[in-house]
Amino acid sequence: QVQLVESGGGLVEPGDSLRLSCAASGAIDKWYMDWYRQAPGKQRELVARISPASTDIKYGESVKGRFTISRDNAKQMVYLQMNSLRPDDTAVYYCSMPTFDSWGQGTQVTVSS
C-alpha cells in the first residue's frame, strides 16, 4: 500500500499563503488524489480533488478561488497551494488516495494574528 506523507504546514497570519506537499511512496499516476482537512470539533471535509491527468479538479466551496491543487506524477507528489488564508482555514490537512482509502498523518495549519 502506498504511504502518504504531508508537509508544509505551520502558523501563519490571515492573508498569508502556504504550500502543502504530499509525498507518496509509490506510483500515483493512475489514481485520484484528495486533500481533506479537519478542524477541532468538526467533521473531516474535502478540500480538493484531482484526477490522474489533472483534467478533472474539484474544490470545496469554502476554498474555491483561494486554493489550488496540483500534482507531479513523475515525482509522486501532490500539492495544495493555499492563498488568502483565513482563521477558519485552521485545521489538520490530510492527503488521501481514495481508491485505496490511504491517508497521511496530517499536517497542522494554523491561521492566527
N, C-alpha and C. Protein backbone atom coordinates (compact mmCIF):
# COMPACT_ATOMS: atom_id res chain seq x y z
N GLN A 1 0.84 -1.19 0.00
CA GLN A 1 0.00 0.00 0.00
C GLN A 1 0.88 1.25 0.00
N VAL A 2 0.47 2.24 -0.78
CA VAL A 2 1.24 3.47 -0.88
C VAL A 2 1.12 4.26 0.42
N GLN A 3 2.26 4.71 0.92
CA GLN A 3 2.30 5.57 2.10
C GLN A 3 2.31 7.02 1.65
N LEU A 4 1.60 7.86 2.41
CA LEU A 4 1.49 9.28 2.09
C LEU A 4 2.04 10.10 3.25
N VAL A 5 2.87 11.10 2.95
CA VAL A 5 3.46 11.94 3.98
C VAL A 5 3.26 13.40 3.61
N GLU A 6 2.53 14.13 4.45
CA GLU A 6 2.28 15.55 4.21
C GLU A 6 3.36 16.40 4.87
N SER A 7 3.58 17.56 4.32
CA SER A 7 4.49 18.54 4.91
C SER A 7 4.09 19.93 4.46
N GLY A 8 4.66 20.94 5.14
CA GLY A 8 4.43 22.31 4.72
C GLY A 8 3.49 23.12 5.59
N GLY A 9 2.91 22.48 6.60
CA GLY A 9 2.01 23.22 7.48
C GLY A 9 2.78 24.17 8.39
N GLY A 10 2.04 24.99 9.10
CA GLY A 10 2.67 25.92 10.02
C GLY A 10 1.70 26.95 10.54
N LEU A 11 2.26 27.93 11.23
CA LEU A 11 1.48 29.04 11.79
C LEU A 11 1.68 30.26 10.90
N VAL A 12 0.59 30.79 10.39
CA VAL A 12 0.66 31.96 9.53
C VAL A 12 -0.41 32.97 9.95
N GLU A 13 -0.29 34.17 9.42
CA GLU A 13 -1.27 35.22 9.71
C GLU A 13 -2.34 35.25 8.63
N PRO A 14 -3.50 35.80 8.96
CA PRO A 14 -4.55 35.94 7.93
C PRO A 14 -4.03 36.68 6.70
N GLY A 15 -4.38 36.16 5.53
CA GLY A 15 -3.92 36.75 4.28
C GLY A 15 -2.65 36.13 3.72
N ASP A 16 -1.95 35.37 4.54
CA ASP A 16 -0.71 34.71 4.10
C ASP A 16 -1.00 33.52 3.20
N SER A 17 0.08 32.96 2.68
CA SER A 17 0.00 31.77 1.83
C SER A 17 0.84 30.65 2.40
N LEU A 18 0.45 29.43 2.07
CA LEU A 18 1.22 28.24 2.40
C LEU A 18 1.09 27.26 1.25
N ARG A 19 2.11 26.44 1.09
CA ARG A 19 2.04 25.36 0.10
C ARG A 19 2.28 24.04 0.82
N LEU A 20 1.28 23.20 0.79
CA LEU A 20 1.40 21.87 1.36
C LEU A 20 1.87 20.89 0.29
N SER A 21 2.64 19.92 0.74
CA SER A 21 3.11 18.87 -0.15
C SER A 21 2.72 17.51 0.39
N CYS A 22 2.49 16.59 -0.51
CA CYS A 22 2.18 15.20 -0.14
C CYS A 22 3.10 14.31 -0.96
N ALA A 23 3.96 13.59 -0.27
CA ALA A 23 4.89 12.68 -0.92
C ALA A 23 4.36 11.25 -0.81
N ALA A 24 4.26 10.58 -1.96
CA ALA A 24 3.78 9.20 -1.99
C ALA A 24 4.96 8.25 -2.14
N SER A 25 4.84 7.08 -1.51
CA SER A 25 5.93 6.11 -1.55
C SER A 25 5.89 5.25 -2.81
N GLY A 26 4.83 5.39 -3.60
CA GLY A 26 4.71 4.61 -4.82
C GLY A 26 4.01 5.41 -5.90
N ALA A 27 3.72 4.74 -6.99
CA ALA A 27 3.11 5.41 -8.14
C ALA A 27 1.71 5.90 -7.82
N ILE A 28 1.43 7.10 -8.31
CA ILE A 28 0.10 7.69 -8.09
C ILE A 28 -0.57 8.04 -9.42
N ASP A 29 0.08 7.76 -10.53
CA ASP A 29 -0.34 8.29 -11.82
C ASP A 29 -1.67 7.78 -12.31
N LYS A 30 -2.19 6.71 -11.74
CA LYS A 30 -3.47 6.16 -12.17
C LYS A 30 -4.63 6.53 -11.26
N TRP A 31 -4.34 7.29 -10.21
CA TRP A 31 -5.34 7.45 -9.15
C TRP A 31 -5.70 8.89 -8.85
N TYR A 32 -6.98 9.10 -8.52
CA TYR A 32 -7.39 10.37 -7.95
C TYR A 32 -6.66 10.59 -6.63
N MET A 33 -6.38 11.86 -6.34
CA MET A 33 -5.77 12.23 -5.08
C MET A 33 -6.58 13.36 -4.46
N ASP A 34 -6.70 13.34 -3.15
CA ASP A 34 -7.51 14.32 -2.42
C ASP A 34 -6.69 15.03 -1.35
N TRP A 35 -7.13 16.23 -1.04
CA TRP A 35 -6.74 16.90 0.21
C TRP A 35 -8.02 17.07 1.03
N TYR A 36 -7.95 16.67 2.28
CA TYR A 36 -9.02 16.87 3.24
C TYR A 36 -8.47 17.71 4.39
N ARG A 37 -9.39 18.22 5.18
CA ARG A 37 -8.98 18.90 6.40
C ARG A 37 -10.00 18.62 7.51
N GLN A 38 -9.51 18.71 8.73
CA GLN A 38 -10.38 18.52 9.89
C GLN A 38 -10.03 19.55 10.95
N ALA A 39 -11.00 20.39 11.26
CA ALA A 39 -10.83 21.39 12.31
C ALA A 39 -11.32 20.81 13.63
N PRO A 40 -10.86 21.34 14.73
CA PRO A 40 -11.28 20.83 16.06
C PRO A 40 -12.79 20.84 16.20
N GLY A 41 -13.34 19.71 16.59
CA GLY A 41 -14.78 19.61 16.81
C GLY A 41 -15.61 19.53 15.55
N LYS A 42 -14.97 19.42 14.40
CA LYS A 42 -15.71 19.36 13.14
C LYS A 42 -15.39 18.08 12.39
N GLN A 43 -16.26 17.74 11.45
CA GLN A 43 -16.03 16.57 10.61
C GLN A 43 -14.95 16.86 9.57
N ARG A 44 -14.30 15.81 9.16
CA ARG A 44 -13.33 15.95 8.08
C ARG A 44 -14.06 16.35 6.81
N GLU A 45 -13.50 17.31 6.07
CA GLU A 45 -14.15 17.79 4.85
C GLU A 45 -13.18 17.77 3.68
N LEU A 46 -13.74 17.54 2.50
CA LEU A 46 -12.94 17.53 1.28
C LEU A 46 -12.56 18.96 0.92
N VAL A 47 -11.27 19.18 0.72
CA VAL A 47 -10.76 20.48 0.31
C VAL A 47 -10.61 20.54 -1.21
N ALA A 48 -9.98 19.49 -1.77
CA ALA A 48 -9.74 19.48 -3.21
C ALA A 48 -9.49 18.06 -3.69
N ARG A 49 -9.82 17.82 -4.94
CA ARG A 49 -9.63 16.50 -5.57
C ARG A 49 -9.08 16.72 -6.97
N ILE A 50 -8.15 15.86 -7.36
CA ILE A 50 -7.54 15.99 -8.68
C ILE A 50 -7.47 14.63 -9.35
N SER A 51 -7.82 14.58 -10.62
CA SER A 51 -7.80 13.34 -11.37
C SER A 51 -6.37 12.98 -11.77
N PRO A 52 -6.16 11.74 -12.25
CA PRO A 52 -4.79 11.31 -12.58
C PRO A 52 -4.06 12.22 -13.56
N ALA A 53 -4.75 12.73 -14.57
CA ALA A 53 -4.10 13.59 -15.57
C ALA A 53 -4.35 15.07 -15.31
N SER A 54 -4.86 15.38 -14.13
CA SER A 54 -5.13 16.77 -13.73
C SER A 54 -6.19 17.44 -14.60
N THR A 55 -7.01 16.66 -15.27
CA THR A 55 -8.02 17.24 -16.14
C THR A 55 -9.34 17.48 -15.42
N ASP A 56 -9.52 16.84 -14.28
CA ASP A 56 -10.74 16.97 -13.50
C ASP A 56 -10.36 17.40 -12.09
N ILE A 57 -10.72 18.61 -11.73
CA ILE A 57 -10.36 19.16 -10.41
C ILE A 57 -11.62 19.69 -9.74
N LYS A 58 -11.73 19.39 -8.47
CA LYS A 58 -12.89 19.82 -7.70
C LYS A 58 -12.41 20.45 -6.40
N TYR A 59 -13.11 21.52 -5.98
CA TYR A 59 -12.77 22.21 -4.73
C TYR A 59 -13.98 22.30 -3.82
N GLY A 60 -13.71 22.30 -2.52
CA GLY A 60 -14.76 22.61 -1.58
C GLY A 60 -15.17 24.07 -1.72
N GLU A 61 -16.44 24.36 -1.43
CA GLU A 61 -16.95 25.70 -1.64
C GLU A 61 -16.16 26.76 -0.88
N SER A 62 -15.72 26.44 0.31
CA SER A 62 -15.08 27.44 1.16
C SER A 62 -13.67 27.81 0.70
N VAL A 63 -13.09 27.03 -0.22
CA VAL A 63 -11.71 27.31 -0.66
C VAL A 63 -11.62 27.70 -2.13
N LYS A 64 -12.73 27.65 -2.83
CA LYS A 64 -12.71 28.00 -4.26
C LYS A 64 -12.16 29.39 -4.47
N GLY A 65 -11.26 29.51 -5.44
CA GLY A 65 -10.67 30.80 -5.75
C GLY A 65 -9.46 31.16 -4.90
N ARG A 66 -9.22 30.37 -3.84
CA ARG A 66 -8.09 30.66 -2.96
C ARG A 66 -7.05 29.54 -2.95
N PHE A 67 -7.51 28.31 -3.10
CA PHE A 67 -6.62 27.15 -3.05
C PHE A 67 -6.49 26.55 -4.45
N THR A 68 -5.31 25.96 -4.69
CA THR A 68 -5.07 25.28 -5.96
C THR A 68 -4.38 23.94 -5.70
N ILE A 69 -4.98 22.88 -6.21
CA ILE A 69 -4.39 21.55 -6.10
C ILE A 69 -3.64 21.25 -7.38
N SER A 70 -2.52 20.56 -7.25
CA SER A 70 -1.74 20.17 -8.42
C SER A 70 -0.99 18.89 -8.10
N ARG A 71 -0.43 18.29 -9.12
CA ARG A 71 0.29 17.04 -8.91
C ARG A 71 1.43 16.92 -9.90
N ASP A 72 2.42 16.15 -9.50
CA ASP A 72 3.54 15.80 -10.37
C ASP A 72 3.68 14.29 -10.27
N ASN A 73 3.10 13.60 -11.22
CA ASN A 73 3.09 12.13 -11.15
C ASN A 73 4.50 11.55 -11.22
N ALA A 74 5.36 12.17 -11.99
CA ALA A 74 6.73 11.67 -12.11
C ALA A 74 7.46 11.70 -10.77
N LYS A 75 7.15 12.72 -9.97
CA LYS A 75 7.79 12.85 -8.65
C LYS A 75 6.96 12.22 -7.55
N GLN A 76 5.77 11.71 -7.91
CA GLN A 76 4.87 11.10 -6.93
C GLN A 76 4.51 12.10 -5.83
N MET A 77 4.16 13.31 -6.28
CA MET A 77 3.86 14.39 -5.35
C MET A 77 2.51 15.02 -5.68
N VAL A 78 1.84 15.48 -4.64
CA VAL A 78 0.61 16.25 -4.76
C VAL A 78 0.78 17.50 -3.92
N TYR A 79 0.27 18.62 -4.41
CA TYR A 79 0.47 19.89 -3.74
C TYR A 79 -0.87 20.59 -3.49
N LEU A 80 -0.86 21.45 -2.48
CA LEU A 80 -2.01 22.31 -2.24
C LEU A 80 -1.48 23.70 -1.96
N GLN A 81 -1.66 24.59 -2.92
CA GLN A 81 -1.28 25.99 -2.75
C GLN A 81 -2.46 26.72 -2.11
N MET A 82 -2.22 27.31 -0.96
CA MET A 82 -3.28 27.97 -0.20
C MET A 82 -2.95 29.45 -0.10
N ASN A 83 -3.78 30.27 -0.68
CA ASN A 83 -3.61 31.73 -0.65
C ASN A 83 -4.74 32.38 0.14
N SER A 84 -4.51 33.62 0.53
CA SER A 84 -5.53 34.39 1.27
C SER A 84 -6.09 33.59 2.44
N LEU A 85 -5.20 33.03 3.22
CA LEU A 85 -5.64 32.17 4.32
C LEU A 85 -6.43 32.95 5.35
N ARG A 86 -7.40 32.27 5.93
CA ARG A 86 -8.30 32.85 6.92
C ARG A 86 -8.25 32.02 8.19
N PRO A 87 -8.64 32.60 9.33
CA PRO A 87 -8.64 31.82 10.57
C PRO A 87 -9.47 30.54 10.47
N ASP A 88 -10.55 30.55 9.69
CA ASP A 88 -11.36 29.34 9.60
C ASP A 88 -10.76 28.29 8.69
N ASP A 89 -9.58 28.55 8.13
CA ASP A 89 -8.83 27.51 7.42
C ASP A 89 -7.98 26.68 8.39
N THR A 90 -7.94 27.09 9.63
CA THR A 90 -7.17 26.35 10.64
C THR A 90 -7.70 24.93 10.78
N ALA A 91 -6.80 23.96 10.59
CA ALA A 91 -7.20 22.56 10.62
C ALA A 91 -5.96 21.69 10.43
N VAL A 92 -6.14 20.41 10.62
CA VAL A 92 -5.15 19.43 10.19
C VAL A 92 -5.50 19.04 8.76
N TYR A 93 -4.53 19.13 7.88
CA TYR A 93 -4.74 18.84 6.46
C TYR A 93 -4.15 17.46 6.14
N TYR A 94 -4.97 16.66 5.45
CA TYR A 94 -4.59 15.29 5.13
C TYR A 94 -4.57 15.06 3.62
N CYS A 95 -3.60 14.33 3.18
CA CYS A 95 -3.54 13.84 1.81
C CYS A 95 -4.17 12.45 1.78
N SER A 96 -4.88 12.16 0.71
CA SER A 96 -5.58 10.88 0.64
C SER A 96 -5.58 10.32 -0.76
N MET A 97 -5.52 9.00 -0.85
CA MET A 97 -5.68 8.28 -2.11
C MET A 97 -6.99 7.50 -1.96
N PRO A 98 -8.09 8.05 -2.43
CA PRO A 98 -9.39 7.49 -2.09
C PRO A 98 -9.63 6.07 -2.59
N THR A 99 -9.03 5.70 -3.71
CA THR A 99 -9.26 4.35 -4.26
C THR A 99 -8.87 3.28 -3.26
N PHE A 100 -7.82 3.57 -2.49
CA PHE A 100 -7.30 2.58 -1.54
C PHE A 100 -7.56 2.99 -0.09
N ASP A 101 -8.31 4.06 0.10
CA ASP A 101 -8.56 4.57 1.45
C ASP A 101 -7.25 4.76 2.20
N SER A 102 -6.26 5.33 1.54
CA SER A 102 -4.97 5.60 2.15
C SER A 102 -4.92 7.05 2.61
N TRP A 103 -4.34 7.26 3.79
CA TRP A 103 -4.27 8.60 4.37
C TRP A 103 -2.88 8.85 4.93
N GLY A 104 -2.46 10.10 4.86
CA GLY A 104 -1.25 10.50 5.53
C GLY A 104 -1.53 10.80 6.99
N GLN A 105 -0.49 11.24 7.70
CA GLN A 105 -0.63 11.51 9.12
C GLN A 105 -1.17 12.91 9.40
N GLY A 106 -1.16 13.74 8.38
CA GLY A 106 -1.69 15.10 8.51
C GLY A 106 -0.62 16.12 8.83
N THR A 107 -0.91 17.36 8.47
CA THR A 107 -0.03 18.49 8.80
C THR A 107 -0.90 19.63 9.31
N GLN A 108 -0.49 20.24 10.39
CA GLN A 108 -1.29 21.27 11.04
C GLN A 108 -1.10 22.61 10.35
N VAL A 109 -2.20 23.26 10.04
CA VAL A 109 -2.19 24.63 9.53
C VAL A 109 -2.97 25.49 10.51
N THR A 110 -2.31 26.52 11.03
CA THR A 110 -2.95 27.44 11.97
C THR A 110 -2.85 28.85 11.41
N VAL A 111 -4.00 29.50 11.29
CA VAL A 111 -4.06 30.86 10.76
C VAL A 111 -4.55 31.76 11.89
N SER A 112 -3.66 32.61 12.36
CA SER A 112 -3.99 33.44 13.52
C SER A 112 -3.13 34.69 13.52
N SER A 113 -3.72 35.78 13.99
CA SER A 113 -2.95 37.01 14.14
C SER A 113 -2.44 37.14 15.56
